[in-house]
C-alpha atoms as a PDB file:
ATOM      1  CA  UNK A   1       0.000   0.000   0.000  1.00  0.00           C
ATOM      2  CA  UNK A   2       1.364   3.406  -0.935  1.00  0.00           C
ATOM      3  CA  UNK A   3       1.719   6.194   1.596  1.00  0.00           C
ATOM      4  CA  UNK A   4      -0.742   8.298  -0.410  1.00  0.00           C
ATOM      5  CA  UNK A   5      -3.349   5.517  -0.251  1.00  0.00           C
ATOM      6  CA  UNK A   6      -2.763   5.028   3.471  1.00  0.00           C
ATOM      7  CA  UNK A   7      -3.134   8.772   3.994  1.00  0.00           C
ATOM      8  CA  UNK A   8      -6.498   8.800   2.192  1.00  0.00           C
ATOM      9  CA  UNK A   9      -7.760   5.927   4.305  1.00  0.00           C
ATOM     10  CA  UNK A  10      -6.606   7.464   7.576  1.00  0.00           C
ATOM     11  CA  UNK A  11      -8.219  10.746   6.562  1.00  0.00           C
ATOM     12  CA  UNK A  12     -11.522   8.924   6.039  1.00  0.00           C
ATOM     13  CA  UNK A  13     -11.100   7.213   9.412  1.00  0.00           C
ATOM     14  CA  UNK A  14     -10.213  10.487  11.134  1.00  0.00           C
ATOM     15  CA  UNK A  15     -13.828  11.249  11.964  1.00  0.00           C
ATOM     16  CA  UNK A  16     -15.228   9.627  15.142  1.00  0.00           C
ATOM     17  CA  UNK A  17     -18.652   9.110  13.558  1.00  0.00           C
ATOM     18  CA  UNK A  18     -17.089   7.225  10.654  1.00  0.00           C
ATOM     19  CA  UNK A  19     -15.174   5.018  13.057  1.00  0.00           C
ATOM     20  CA  UNK A  20     -18.398   4.222  14.905  1.00  0.00           C
ATOM     21  CA  UNK A  21     -20.191   3.479  11.639  1.00  0.00           C
ATOM     22  CA  UNK A  22     -17.384   1.230  10.432  1.00  0.00           C
ATOM     23  CA  UNK A  23     -17.407  -0.646  13.722  1.00  0.00           C
ATOM     24  CA  UNK A  24     -21.174  -1.207  13.493  1.00  0.00           C
ATOM     25  CA  UNK A  25     -20.917  -2.386   9.895  1.00  0.00           C
ATOM     26  CA  UNK A  26     -18.021  -4.718  10.760  1.00  0.00           C
ATOM     27  CA  UNK A  27     -20.137  -6.349  13.475  1.00  0.00           C
ATOM     28  CA  UNK A  28     -22.836  -7.282  10.937  1.00  0.00           C
ATOM     29  CA  UNK A  29     -22.806  -9.238   7.711  1.00  0.00           C
ATOM     30  CA  UNK A  30     -24.838  -6.403   6.207  1.00  0.00           C
ATOM     31  CA  UNK A  31     -26.713  -3.479   7.761  1.00  0.00           C
ATOM     32  CA  UNK A  32     -29.223  -0.941   6.512  1.00  0.00           C
ATOM     33  CA  UNK A  33     -28.396   2.774   6.592  1.00  0.00           C
ATOM     34  CA  UNK A  34     -31.568   3.469   8.580  1.00  0.00           C
ATOM     35  CA  UNK A  35     -30.428   1.023  11.261  1.00  0.00           C
ATOM     36  CA  UNK A  36     -27.043   2.741  11.414  1.00  0.00           C
ATOM     37  CA  UNK A  37     -28.772   6.091  11.867  1.00  0.00           C
ATOM     38  CA  UNK A  38     -30.891   4.712  14.713  1.00  0.00           C
ATOM     39  CA  UNK A  39     -27.888   3.129  16.459  1.00  0.00           C
ATOM     40  CA  UNK A  40     -25.967   6.410  16.486  1.00  0.00           C
ATOM     41  CA  UNK A  41     -28.957   8.766  16.818  1.00  0.00           C
ATOM     42  CA  UNK A  42     -28.005  10.647  13.648  1.00  0.00           C
ATOM     43  CA  UNK A  43     -29.964  11.394  10.489  1.00  0.00           C
ATOM     44  CA  UNK A  44     -30.037   9.142   7.447  1.00  0.00           C
ATOM     45  CA  UNK A  45     -28.433  11.858   5.264  1.00  0.00           C
ATOM     46  CA  UNK A  46     -25.567  12.070   7.769  1.00  0.00           C
ATOM     47  CA  UNK A  47     -25.088   8.306   7.526  1.00  0.00           C
ATOM     48  CA  UNK A  48     -25.095   8.553   3.732  1.00  0.00           C
ATOM     49  CA  UNK A  49     -22.458  11.291   3.802  1.00  0.00           C
ATOM     50  CA  UNK A  50     -20.109   9.391   6.095  1.00  0.00           C
ATOM     51  CA  UNK A  51     -20.622   6.046   4.379  1.00  0.00           C
ATOM     52  CA  UNK A  52     -19.844   7.700   1.038  1.00  0.00           C
ATOM     53  CA  UNK A  53     -16.460   8.744   2.451  1.00  0.00           C
ATOM     54  CA  UNK A  54     -15.788   5.179   3.627  1.00  0.00           C
ATOM     55  CA  UNK A  55     -16.884   3.774   0.262  1.00  0.00           C
ATOM     56  CA  UNK A  56     -14.573   6.176  -1.586  1.00  0.00           C
ATOM     57  CA  UNK A  57     -11.588   4.534   0.100  1.00  0.00           C
ATOM     58  CA  UNK A  58     -13.087   1.074  -0.482  1.00  0.00           C
ATOM     59  CA  UNK A  59     -13.601   0.204   3.195  1.00  0.00           C
ATOM     60  CA  UNK A  60     -17.304  -0.505   2.731  1.00  0.00           C
ATOM     61  CA  UNK A  61     -19.480  -1.731  -0.077  1.00  0.00           C
ATOM     62  CA  UNK A  62     -23.076  -0.706  -0.553  1.00  0.00           C
ATOM     63  CA  UNK A  63     -25.957  -2.193  -2.438  1.00  0.00           C
ATOM     64  CA  UNK A  64     -29.591  -1.310  -2.893  1.00  0.00           C
ATOM     65  CA  UNK A  65     -32.276  -3.577  -1.528  1.00  0.00           C
ATOM     66  CA  UNK A  66     -35.567  -2.128  -2.642  1.00  0.00           C
ATOM     67  CA  UNK A  67     -35.649   1.433  -1.366  1.00  0.00           C
ATOM     68  CA  UNK A  68     -32.962   0.777   1.255  1.00  0.00           C
ATOM     69  CA  UNK A  69     -29.197   0.947   1.039  1.00  0.00           C
ATOM     70  CA  UNK A  70     -27.317  -1.818   2.818  1.00  0.00           C
ATOM     71  CA  UNK A  71     -23.664  -1.641   3.764  1.00  0.00           C
ATOM     72  CA  UNK A  72     -21.030  -4.261   4.411  1.00  0.00           C
ATOM     73  CA  UNK A  73     -17.331  -4.185   5.088  1.00  0.00           C
ATOM     74  CA  UNK A  74     -15.004  -4.829   2.180  1.00  0.00           C
ATOM     75  CA  UNK A  75     -13.130  -7.681   3.904  1.00  0.00           C
ATOM     76  CA  UNK A  76      -9.934  -7.537   1.859  1.00  0.00           C
ATOM     77  CA  UNK A  77      -9.429  -3.812   2.346  1.00  0.00           C
ATOM     78  CA  UNK A  78     -10.451  -4.004   6.002  1.00  0.00           C
ATOM     79  CA  UNK A  79      -7.784  -6.669   6.634  1.00  0.00           C
ATOM     80  CA  UNK A  80      -5.120  -4.650   4.798  1.00  0.00           C
ATOM     81  CA  UNK A  81      -5.868  -1.628   6.985  1.00  0.00           C
ATOM     82  CA  UNK A  82      -5.701  -3.747  10.139  1.00  0.00           C
ATOM     83  CA  UNK A  83      -2.320  -5.103   9.015  1.00  0.00           C
ATOM     84  CA  UNK A  84      -1.081  -1.587   8.244  1.00  0.00           C
ATOM     85  CA  UNK A  85      -2.101  -0.373  11.695  1.00  0.00           C
ATOM     86  CA  UNK A  86      -0.315  -3.334  13.283  1.00  0.00           C
ATOM     87  CA  UNK A  87       2.868  -2.329  11.438  1.00  0.00           C
ATOM     88  CA  UNK A  88       2.841   1.192  12.889  1.00  0.00           C
END
């Protein structure tokens, strides 16, 4: 992983709300954005904003299920980040 890529990922993870969202998503096989909003007592648009940032760095994947958006961790990228953190 390049330093530029690592920097982008750490920037995305630099927000406490995003860290909480990522933790919730990692605990589930798949979770709906509305459920994430309820867990953290934030609005659905706020969830969408933060999850977009995590998706941009490939930490989460999203898919539509009817009118809902479901999120799941991208396991390969998640493991690479964990390994990078362990190296620090």
